């Protein structure tokens, strides 16, 4: 457990790397670090940092760190409602399954869990786009510095 981190940017970068390595298997065209206003190709995904929370869970200054990473999957322009909905749901489920296979993000955290999968619509490039936001919650521990 010596590789555990409380660095949210490092955790987000690792999630981005996992998606880059698996984008063909997922059927994604592009993976972006951070949300984008213009999406030249779809389906694609953006990976961005969410909140980070910390609380004491040991002595002398051990802390539990909970970090959220958002994976937003843009499925495509809204077209045939049924086809679009089914494709969006399937892709979001595949992405969720991938995240559950990366349980500790190469030793950076103790555990990860997709705690929500939220389908919806957003406007990108002037058009309504079908999207899903997955919230990946990662738990880690870190000792804060202290003087003896």
C-alpha atoms as a PDB file:
ATOM      1  CA  UNK A   1       0.000   0.000   0.000  1.00  0.00           C
ATOM      2  CA  UNK A   2       2.983   2.324  -0.163  1.00  0.00           C
ATOM      3  CA  UNK A   3       1.861   3.643  -3.580  1.00  0.00           C
ATOM      4  CA  UNK A   4      -1.451   4.989  -2.269  1.00  0.00           C
ATOM      5  CA  UNK A   5      -2.012   8.594  -3.248  1.00  0.00           C
ATOM      6  CA  UNK A   6      -4.181  11.520  -2.269  1.00  0.00           C
ATOM      7  CA  UNK A   7      -3.401  13.355  -5.525  1.00  0.00           C
ATOM      8  CA  UNK A   8      -6.685  13.816  -7.406  1.00  0.00           C
ATOM      9  CA  UNK A   9      -4.919  14.844 -10.618  1.00  0.00           C
ATOM     10  CA  UNK A  10      -2.849  11.646 -10.562  1.00  0.00           C
ATOM     11  CA  UNK A  11      -5.975   9.516 -10.065  1.00  0.00           C
ATOM     12  CA  UNK A  12      -7.810  11.334 -12.881  1.00  0.00           C
ATOM     13  CA  UNK A  13      -4.799  10.868 -15.172  1.00  0.00           C
ATOM     14  CA  UNK A  14      -4.795   7.128 -14.451  1.00  0.00           C
ATOM     15  CA  UNK A  15      -8.511   6.854 -15.277  1.00  0.00           C
ATOM     16  CA  UNK A  16      -7.795   8.744 -18.521  1.00  0.00           C
ATOM     17  CA  UNK A  17      -4.974   6.288 -19.322  1.00  0.00           C
ATOM     18  CA  UNK A  18      -7.273   3.296 -18.705  1.00  0.00           C
ATOM     19  CA  UNK A  19      -9.817   4.709 -21.148  1.00  0.00           C
ATOM     20  CA  UNK A  20      -7.150   5.510 -23.746  1.00  0.00           C
ATOM     21  CA  UNK A  21      -5.918   1.913 -23.588  1.00  0.00           C
ATOM     22  CA  UNK A  22      -9.447   0.556 -23.989  1.00  0.00           C
ATOM     23  CA  UNK A  23     -11.056   3.051 -26.351  1.00  0.00           C
ATOM     24  CA  UNK A  24     -11.154   0.631 -29.311  1.00  0.00           C
ATOM     25  CA  UNK A  25     -12.774  -2.105 -27.204  1.00  0.00           C
ATOM     26  CA  UNK A  26     -15.328   0.421 -25.948  1.00  0.00           C
ATOM     27  CA  UNK A  27     -15.942   1.795 -29.428  1.00  0.00           C
ATOM     28  CA  UNK A  28     -14.911   5.344 -28.504  1.00  0.00           C
ATOM     29  CA  UNK A  29     -13.397   7.719 -31.065  1.00  0.00           C
ATOM     30  CA  UNK A  30     -11.651  10.099 -28.664  1.00  0.00           C
ATOM     31  CA  UNK A  31     -10.833  10.391 -24.965  1.00  0.00           C
ATOM     32  CA  UNK A  32     -10.351  13.912 -23.576  1.00  0.00           C
ATOM     33  CA  UNK A  33      -8.871  15.043 -20.266  1.00  0.00           C
ATOM     34  CA  UNK A  34     -11.393  17.632 -19.120  1.00  0.00           C
ATOM     35  CA  UNK A  35     -14.755  18.489 -20.614  1.00  0.00           C
ATOM     36  CA  UNK A  36     -14.935  19.908 -24.147  1.00  0.00           C
ATOM     37  CA  UNK A  37     -17.240  22.397 -25.856  1.00  0.00           C
ATOM     38  CA  UNK A  38     -16.690  20.925 -29.312  1.00  0.00           C
ATOM     39  CA  UNK A  39     -16.680  17.203 -29.940  1.00  0.00           C
ATOM     40  CA  UNK A  40     -15.441  16.481 -33.453  1.00  0.00           C
ATOM     41  CA  UNK A  41     -16.156  12.720 -33.336  1.00  0.00           C
ATOM     42  CA  UNK A  42     -18.571  10.596 -31.357  1.00  0.00           C
ATOM     43  CA  UNK A  43     -18.923   8.464 -29.417  1.00  0.00           C
ATOM     44  CA  UNK A  44     -16.241   9.909 -27.166  1.00  0.00           C
ATOM     45  CA  UNK A  45     -15.545  10.430 -23.481  1.00  0.00           C
ATOM     46  CA  UNK A  46     -14.187  13.154 -21.252  1.00  0.00           C
ATOM     47  CA  UNK A  47     -12.479  12.427 -17.954  1.00  0.00           C
ATOM     48  CA  UNK A  48     -12.470  15.122 -15.296  1.00  0.00           C
ATOM     49  CA  UNK A  49     -11.743  15.508 -11.616  1.00  0.00           C
ATOM     50  CA  UNK A  50     -14.572  15.814  -9.140  1.00  0.00           C
ATOM     51  CA  UNK A  51     -14.499  16.607  -5.426  1.00  0.00           C
ATOM     52  CA  UNK A  52     -11.922  15.279  -2.975  1.00  0.00           C
ATOM     53  CA  UNK A  53     -12.735  14.814   0.713  1.00  0.00           C
ATOM     54  CA  UNK A  54     -10.502  13.867   3.613  1.00  0.00           C
ATOM     55  CA  UNK A  55     -11.082  12.857   7.228  1.00  0.00           C
ATOM     56  CA  UNK A  56      -8.990  11.393  10.008  1.00  0.00           C
ATOM     57  CA  UNK A  57      -9.111   7.609  10.349  1.00  0.00           C
ATOM     58  CA  UNK A  58      -6.109   6.816  12.525  1.00  0.00           C
ATOM     59  CA  UNK A  59      -3.254   8.174  14.555  1.00  0.00           C
ATOM     60  CA  UNK A  60      -1.124  10.114  14.556  1.00  0.00           C
ATOM     61  CA  UNK A  61      -2.404  11.813  11.350  1.00  0.00           C
ATOM     62  CA  UNK A  62      -3.630   9.066   9.042  1.00  0.00           C
ATOM     63  CA  UNK A  63      -6.448  10.192   6.767  1.00  0.00           C
ATOM     64  CA  UNK A  64      -8.969   8.524   4.531  1.00  0.00           C
ATOM     65  CA  UNK A  65      -9.245  10.298   1.194  1.00  0.00           C
ATOM     66  CA  UNK A  66     -12.270   9.952  -1.065  1.00  0.00           C
ATOM     67  CA  UNK A  67     -11.849  11.253  -4.624  1.00  0.00           C
ATOM     68  CA  UNK A  68     -14.465  11.376  -7.366  1.00  0.00           C
ATOM     69  CA  UNK A  69     -13.648  11.237 -11.059  1.00  0.00           C
ATOM     70  CA  UNK A  70     -16.331  11.944 -13.647  1.00  0.00           C
ATOM     71  CA  UNK A  71     -16.429  10.044 -16.919  1.00  0.00           C
ATOM     72  CA  UNK A  72     -18.803  11.728 -19.340  1.00  0.00           C
ATOM     73  CA  UNK A  73     -19.632   9.658 -22.384  1.00  0.00           C
ATOM     74  CA  UNK A  74     -21.037  11.498 -25.386  1.00  0.00           C
ATOM     75  CA  UNK A  75     -22.975   9.015 -27.472  1.00  0.00           C
ATOM     76  CA  UNK A  76     -23.984  11.126 -30.428  1.00  0.00           C
ATOM     77  CA  UNK A  77     -26.482  13.574 -31.759  1.00  0.00           C
ATOM     78  CA  UNK A  78     -30.038  12.835 -30.791  1.00  0.00           C
ATOM     79  CA  UNK A  79     -31.623  10.932 -33.661  1.00  0.00           C
ATOM     80  CA  UNK A  80     -33.911   7.913 -33.426  1.00  0.00           C
ATOM     81  CA  UNK A  81     -34.887   7.892 -29.754  1.00  0.00           C
ATOM     82  CA  UNK A  82     -35.022   4.131 -29.255  1.00  0.00           C
ATOM     83  CA  UNK A  83     -31.778   3.338 -31.089  1.00  0.00           C
ATOM     84  CA  UNK A  84     -29.944   6.225 -29.473  1.00  0.00           C
ATOM     85  CA  UNK A  85     -31.167   5.255 -25.991  1.00  0.00           C
ATOM     86  CA  UNK A  86     -30.180   1.587 -26.343  1.00  0.00           C
ATOM     87  CA  UNK A  87     -26.741   2.411 -27.746  1.00  0.00           C
ATOM     88  CA  UNK A  88     -26.141   4.960 -24.997  1.00  0.00           C
ATOM     89  CA  UNK A  89     -27.117   2.513 -22.264  1.00  0.00           C
ATOM     90  CA  UNK A  90     -24.928  -0.243 -23.706  1.00  0.00           C
ATOM     91  CA  UNK A  91     -21.875   2.000 -23.971  1.00  0.00           C
ATOM     92  CA  UNK A  92     -22.312   3.365 -20.444  1.00  0.00           C
ATOM     93  CA  UNK A  93     -22.571  -0.193 -19.084  1.00  0.00           C
ATOM     94  CA  UNK A  94     -19.399  -1.246 -20.938  1.00  0.00           C
ATOM     95  CA  UNK A  95     -17.554   1.752 -19.477  1.00  0.00           C
ATOM     96  CA  UNK A  96     -18.843   0.958 -15.980  1.00  0.00           C
ATOM     97  CA  UNK A  97     -17.664  -2.653 -16.304  1.00  0.00           C
ATOM     98  CA  UNK A  98     -14.219  -1.453 -17.411  1.00  0.00           C
ATOM     99  CA  UNK A  99     -13.940   0.814 -14.379  1.00  0.00           C
ATOM    100  CA  UNK A 100     -14.886  -2.032 -12.037  1.00  0.00           C
ATOM    101  CA  UNK A 101     -12.039  -4.116 -13.491  1.00  0.00           C
ATOM    102  CA  UNK A 102      -9.533  -1.429 -12.440  1.00  0.00           C
ATOM    103  CA  UNK A 103     -10.350  -1.838  -8.761  1.00  0.00           C
ATOM    104  CA  UNK A 104      -7.248  -0.096  -7.358  1.00  0.00           C
ATOM    105  CA  UNK A 105      -5.987   1.948 -10.357  1.00  0.00           C
ATOM    106  CA  UNK A 106      -2.600   0.199 -10.405  1.00  0.00           C
ATOM    107  CA  UNK A 107      -2.149   0.531  -6.651  1.00  0.00           C
ATOM    108  CA  UNK A 108      -2.883   4.274  -6.435  1.00  0.00           C
ATOM    109  CA  UNK A 109      -6.017   3.770  -4.300  1.00  0.00           C
ATOM    110  CA  UNK A 110      -7.516   1.126  -2.039  1.00  0.00           C
ATOM    111  CA  UNK A 111     -10.683   0.681  -4.067  1.00  0.00           C
ATOM    112  CA  UNK A 112     -12.860   2.250  -6.786  1.00  0.00           C
ATOM    113  CA  UNK A 113     -16.577   1.970  -7.346  1.00  0.00           C
ATOM    114  CA  UNK A 114     -18.902   3.520  -9.912  1.00  0.00           C
ATOM    115  CA  UNK A 115     -21.476   5.041  -7.560  1.00  0.00           C
ATOM    116  CA  UNK A 116     -23.727   6.564 -10.212  1.00  0.00           C
ATOM    117  CA  UNK A 117     -24.531   6.264 -13.900  1.00  0.00           C
ATOM    118  CA  UNK A 118     -26.620   9.255 -14.986  1.00  0.00           C
ATOM    119  CA  UNK A 119     -28.058   9.328 -18.521  1.00  0.00           C
ATOM    120  CA  UNK A 120     -29.192  12.615 -20.007  1.00  0.00           C
ATOM    121  CA  UNK A 121     -28.748  15.223 -22.714  1.00  0.00           C
ATOM    122  CA  UNK A 122     -26.312  18.113 -23.170  1.00  0.00           C
ATOM    123  CA  UNK A 123     -25.779  20.721 -25.859  1.00  0.00           C
ATOM    124  CA  UNK A 124     -22.392  20.456 -27.578  1.00  0.00           C
ATOM    125  CA  UNK A 125     -21.474  22.149 -30.827  1.00  0.00           C
ATOM    126  CA  UNK A 126     -24.943  23.700 -31.001  1.00  0.00           C
ATOM    127  CA  UNK A 127     -26.741  20.344 -31.071  1.00  0.00           C
ATOM    128  CA  UNK A 128     -28.457  18.274 -28.433  1.00  0.00           C
ATOM    129  CA  UNK A 129     -26.300  15.256 -27.631  1.00  0.00           C
ATOM    130  CA  UNK A 130     -27.068  12.092 -25.686  1.00  0.00           C
ATOM    131  CA  UNK A 131     -24.641  11.716 -22.771  1.00  0.00           C
ATOM    132  CA  UNK A 132     -24.035   9.627 -19.652  1.00  0.00           C
ATOM    133  CA  UNK A 133     -22.058  10.719 -16.613  1.00  0.00           C
ATOM    134  CA  UNK A 134     -20.402   8.026 -14.531  1.00  0.00           C
ATOM    135  CA  UNK A 135     -19.108   8.955 -11.091  1.00  0.00           C
ATOM    136  CA  UNK A 136     -16.134   6.839 -10.051  1.00  0.00           C
ATOM    137  CA  UNK A 137     -15.499   7.074  -6.307  1.00  0.00           C
ATOM    138  CA  UNK A 138     -11.957   6.158  -5.243  1.00  0.00           C
ATOM    139  CA  UNK A 139     -10.909   5.579  -1.637  1.00  0.00           C
ATOM    140  CA  UNK A 140      -7.325   5.966  -0.473  1.00  0.00           C
ATOM    141  CA  UNK A 141      -5.331   6.638   2.677  1.00  0.00           C
ATOM    142  CA  UNK A 142      -2.519   9.053   3.322  1.00  0.00           C
ATOM    143  CA  UNK A 143      -0.410   9.970   6.329  1.00  0.00           C
ATOM    144  CA  UNK A 144      -0.130  13.700   6.854  1.00  0.00           C
ATOM    145  CA  UNK A 145       3.190  15.083   8.080  1.00  0.00           C
ATOM    146  CA  UNK A 146       3.619  15.447  11.826  1.00  0.00           C
ATOM    147  CA  UNK A 147       6.358  16.341  14.244  1.00  0.00           C
ATOM    148  CA  UNK A 148       7.216  13.893  16.992  1.00  0.00           C
END
